[in-house]
N, C-alpha and C. Protein backbone atom coordinates (compact mmCIF):
# COMPACT_ATOMS: atom_id res chain seq x y z
N MET A 1 13.12 -162.46 19.89
CA MET A 1 13.26 -160.85 20.79
C MET A 1 13.99 -161.30 21.92
N ARG A 2 15.10 -160.51 22.29
CA ARG A 2 15.98 -160.78 23.67
C ARG A 2 15.73 -159.64 24.56
N ILE A 3 15.39 -160.84 25.81
CA ILE A 3 14.19 -160.00 26.65
C ILE A 3 15.52 -160.04 27.71
N ILE A 4 15.60 -158.60 28.31
CA ILE A 4 16.27 -157.68 30.14
C ILE A 4 15.38 -158.21 30.67
N THR A 5 16.19 -158.71 31.72
CA THR A 5 16.01 -159.01 33.29
C THR A 5 16.32 -158.10 33.84
N LYS A 6 16.03 -158.09 34.64
CA LYS A 6 16.69 -157.28 36.62
C LYS A 6 18.39 -157.35 36.43
N GLU A 7 18.66 -159.01 36.19
CA GLU A 7 19.67 -159.05 36.87
C GLU A 7 21.02 -158.19 35.92
N PRO A 8 21.21 -158.64 34.83
CA PRO A 8 22.18 -157.68 34.29
C PRO A 8 22.20 -156.40 34.49
N LEU A 9 21.00 -155.78 33.95
CA LEU A 9 20.88 -154.78 34.57
C LEU A 9 21.56 -154.09 35.99
N GLN A 10 21.06 -154.79 37.17
CA GLN A 10 21.57 -154.33 38.20
C GLN A 10 23.23 -154.53 38.50
N SER A 11 23.76 -155.74 37.45
CA SER A 11 25.23 -155.81 37.37
C SER A 11 25.76 -154.92 36.64
N TYR A 12 25.34 -154.34 35.39
CA TYR A 12 26.01 -153.27 34.68
C TYR A 12 26.11 -152.22 35.61
N ALA A 13 24.75 -151.58 36.59
CA ALA A 13 24.97 -150.58 37.23
C ALA A 13 25.74 -151.17 38.15
N GLU A 14 26.16 -151.84 38.96
CA GLU A 14 27.37 -151.89 39.74
C GLU A 14 28.52 -151.69 39.11
N LYS A 15 28.87 -152.39 38.25
CA LYS A 15 29.97 -152.25 37.35
C LYS A 15 30.56 -150.58 37.04
N HIS A 16 29.28 -150.04 36.61
CA HIS A 16 29.41 -149.08 36.02
C HIS A 16 28.84 -147.67 36.80
N PRO A 17 28.76 -147.31 38.08
CA PRO A 17 28.38 -146.52 38.84
C PRO A 17 28.10 -145.14 38.25
N ASP A 18 29.35 -144.80 37.43
CA ASP A 18 28.90 -142.95 37.03
C ASP A 18 28.24 -143.09 35.38
N CYS A 19 27.89 -144.32 34.98
CA CYS A 19 26.97 -144.01 33.93
C CYS A 19 26.05 -143.86 33.89
N LYS A 20 25.50 -143.17 33.46
CA LYS A 20 23.91 -142.21 33.10
C LYS A 20 23.43 -142.79 31.92
N THR A 21 22.01 -143.73 32.03
CA THR A 21 21.60 -144.23 30.68
C THR A 21 20.87 -142.83 30.35
N ALA A 22 20.67 -143.45 28.68
CA ALA A 22 20.21 -142.38 27.96
C ALA A 22 18.30 -142.20 27.77
N LEU A 23 18.10 -143.06 28.91
CA LEU A 23 16.69 -142.80 29.16
C LEU A 23 15.97 -141.53 29.33
N GLN A 24 16.87 -140.58 30.12
CA GLN A 24 16.11 -139.36 30.73
C GLN A 24 16.36 -138.70 29.05
N GLU A 25 17.33 -138.98 28.68
CA GLU A 25 17.19 -138.39 27.58
C GLU A 25 16.05 -138.85 25.84
N CYS A 26 15.81 -139.36 26.37
CA CYS A 26 14.72 -140.66 25.44
C CYS A 26 13.26 -140.07 26.00
N LEU A 27 13.26 -139.94 27.35
CA LEU A 27 12.17 -139.45 27.50
C LEU A 27 11.51 -138.02 27.34
N LYS A 28 12.75 -137.15 27.76
CA LYS A 28 12.36 -135.76 26.88
C LYS A 28 12.03 -135.21 25.45
N GLU A 29 12.80 -136.30 24.89
CA GLU A 29 12.68 -136.28 23.33
C GLU A 29 11.68 -136.49 22.77
N ARG A 30 10.97 -137.86 23.36
CA ARG A 30 9.50 -138.40 23.25
C ARG A 30 8.51 -137.37 23.59
N MET A 31 8.32 -136.97 24.79
CA MET A 31 7.70 -135.43 25.65
C MET A 31 7.57 -134.42 24.62
N PHE A 32 8.64 -134.41 23.89
CA PHE A 32 8.84 -133.07 23.06
C PHE A 32 8.10 -133.81 21.81
N GLU A 33 8.32 -134.59 21.49
CA GLU A 33 7.71 -134.92 20.08
C GLU A 33 6.33 -134.98 19.97
N GLN A 34 5.69 -135.39 21.17
CA GLN A 34 4.76 -135.91 21.48
C GLN A 34 3.65 -134.88 21.95
N GLY A 35 4.57 -133.97 22.41
CA GLY A 35 3.62 -132.74 23.11
C GLY A 35 3.08 -133.00 24.57
N LEU A 36 4.45 -133.46 24.76
CA LEU A 36 3.51 -134.05 26.54
C LEU A 36 4.31 -133.55 27.44
N SER A 37 3.49 -133.17 28.73
CA SER A 37 3.66 -132.55 29.67
C SER A 37 4.28 -133.50 30.65
N GLN A 38 4.67 -133.05 31.78
CA GLN A 38 5.30 -133.99 32.75
C GLN A 38 4.22 -134.57 33.58
N LYS A 39 2.89 -133.64 33.72
CA LYS A 39 1.90 -134.37 34.09
C LYS A 39 1.41 -135.20 33.49
N ASP A 40 1.24 -135.19 31.82
CA ASP A 40 0.71 -136.13 31.03
C ASP A 40 1.26 -137.39 30.98
N VAL A 41 3.05 -137.41 31.41
CA VAL A 41 3.64 -138.57 31.28
C VAL A 41 3.28 -139.43 32.51
N ALA A 42 3.53 -138.70 33.84
CA ALA A 42 2.87 -139.02 35.26
C ALA A 42 1.72 -139.68 35.10
N LYS A 43 0.71 -139.32 34.23
CA LYS A 43 -0.95 -140.44 34.59
C LYS A 43 -0.21 -141.35 33.57
N ILE A 44 0.29 -141.44 32.27
CA ILE A 44 0.16 -142.54 31.42
C ILE A 44 1.22 -143.48 32.26
N LEU A 45 1.72 -143.28 32.60
CA LEU A 45 2.87 -144.21 33.78
C LEU A 45 2.30 -144.72 35.39
N GLY A 46 1.28 -143.96 35.62
CA GLY A 46 0.77 -144.30 36.46
C GLY A 46 1.84 -143.73 37.70
N THR A 47 2.34 -142.84 37.78
CA THR A 47 3.05 -142.28 38.85
C THR A 47 3.21 -141.38 39.25
N SER A 48 3.83 -140.25 39.96
CA SER A 48 3.66 -138.64 40.06
C SER A 48 4.30 -137.74 39.36
N GLN A 49 4.22 -136.66 39.12
CA GLN A 49 4.55 -135.65 38.34
C GLN A 49 6.15 -135.10 39.20
N SER A 50 5.97 -135.38 40.09
CA SER A 50 7.40 -135.29 40.67
C SER A 50 8.74 -136.25 40.59
N ARG A 51 7.94 -137.29 40.53
CA ARG A 51 8.74 -138.35 40.16
C ARG A 51 9.41 -138.47 38.74
N ILE A 52 8.73 -138.15 37.51
CA ILE A 52 8.70 -137.58 36.19
C ILE A 52 10.40 -136.24 36.10
N SER A 53 9.53 -135.48 37.10
CA SER A 53 10.42 -134.17 37.18
C SER A 53 11.92 -134.71 37.62
N ASP A 54 11.74 -135.15 38.34
CA ASP A 54 13.29 -136.27 39.36
C ASP A 54 13.94 -137.13 37.89
N LEU A 55 13.24 -137.44 37.60
CA LEU A 55 14.09 -138.73 36.43
C LEU A 55 14.60 -137.71 35.32
N ILE A 56 13.82 -136.98 34.81
CA ILE A 56 14.11 -135.85 33.92
C ILE A 56 15.26 -135.10 34.20
N SER A 57 15.42 -134.48 35.27
CA SER A 57 16.30 -133.93 35.62
C SER A 57 17.71 -134.55 36.44
N GLY A 58 17.82 -136.06 36.32
CA GLY A 58 18.63 -136.86 36.88
C GLY A 58 18.94 -136.89 38.49
N LYS A 59 17.83 -136.51 38.94
CA LYS A 59 17.90 -136.87 40.38
C LYS A 59 18.34 -137.82 41.67
N CYS A 60 17.14 -138.80 40.09
CA CYS A 60 16.61 -140.32 40.96
C CYS A 60 16.79 -141.03 39.56
N ASN A 61 17.15 -142.49 39.52
CA ASN A 61 16.90 -143.00 38.60
C ASN A 61 15.56 -143.95 38.53
N PRO A 62 15.08 -144.61 37.29
CA PRO A 62 13.75 -145.28 37.29
C PRO A 62 13.98 -146.66 38.07
N THR A 63 13.08 -147.08 38.81
CA THR A 63 13.08 -148.39 39.10
C THR A 63 13.10 -149.26 37.97
N PHE A 64 13.13 -150.70 37.54
CA PHE A 64 13.55 -151.64 36.92
C PHE A 64 11.82 -151.40 36.02
N GLU A 65 10.97 -151.43 37.23
CA GLU A 65 10.17 -151.45 36.46
C GLU A 65 9.08 -150.45 35.83
N LEU A 66 9.77 -149.51 36.88
CA LEU A 66 9.16 -147.62 35.56
C LEU A 66 9.87 -147.97 34.46
N ALA A 67 10.95 -148.07 34.29
CA ALA A 67 11.93 -148.39 32.72
C ALA A 67 11.39 -148.98 31.64
N GLN A 68 10.94 -149.91 32.20
CA GLN A 68 9.69 -151.17 30.94
C GLN A 68 8.63 -150.27 30.59
N SER A 69 7.87 -149.47 32.03
CA SER A 69 6.90 -148.68 31.45
C SER A 69 7.06 -147.42 30.64
N ILE A 70 8.24 -146.97 30.70
CA ILE A 70 8.71 -146.18 30.32
C ILE A 70 8.90 -146.39 28.70
N CYS A 71 9.52 -147.32 28.34
CA CYS A 71 9.70 -148.24 27.24
C CYS A 71 8.29 -148.40 26.48
N ARG A 72 7.77 -149.40 26.86
CA ARG A 72 6.28 -149.98 26.53
C ARG A 72 5.57 -149.05 26.04
N ASN A 73 5.20 -147.27 27.15
CA ASN A 73 4.24 -146.92 27.57
C ASN A 73 4.65 -145.86 26.35
N LEU A 74 5.75 -145.67 26.12
CA LEU A 74 6.16 -144.13 25.33
C LEU A 74 6.94 -145.06 23.93
N ASP A 75 7.15 -146.07 23.77
CA ASP A 75 7.52 -146.57 22.24
C ASP A 75 9.03 -146.28 22.53
N ILE A 76 9.78 -146.53 23.12
CA ILE A 76 11.39 -146.00 23.29
C ILE A 76 12.08 -147.82 23.40
N ALA A 77 12.97 -147.74 22.41
CA ALA A 77 13.02 -149.47 22.44
C ALA A 77 14.19 -149.12 23.89
N PRO A 78 14.11 -150.55 24.96
CA PRO A 78 15.14 -150.70 25.50
C PRO A 78 16.75 -151.15 24.95
N ALA A 79 17.26 -150.34 25.98
CA ALA A 79 18.40 -151.18 25.14
C ALA A 79 20.10 -150.43 26.47
N ILE A 80 20.88 -151.41 26.38
CA ILE A 80 21.73 -150.90 27.23
C ILE A 80 23.27 -151.08 26.72
N GLU A 81 23.87 -150.32 25.73
CA GLU A 81 25.11 -150.05 25.32
C GLU A 81 26.11 -150.38 25.78
N GLY A 82 27.34 -150.40 25.45
CA GLY A 82 28.54 -151.41 26.08
C GLY A 82 28.79 -152.17 26.68
N VAL A 83 27.70 -152.94 26.93
CA VAL A 83 27.54 -154.19 27.55
C VAL A 83 28.28 -155.72 27.09
């Protein structure tokens, strides 16, 4: 199993500043599939509902730790395409 570390993610983000990850879309899809509200997801992830709202709307990007938590707790496979 390949482990993703912070360094390659930060390097990729620096090289591709305009690239949006698919994490927001995967999160929205998973919420729909499981009938979860933003409040539900915030509770699962241990963050605020406003943070989830900002992530979904693209106003902010998740920290590395939050991205890991999203993938782990909502069963979303972590991947970076084009690296």
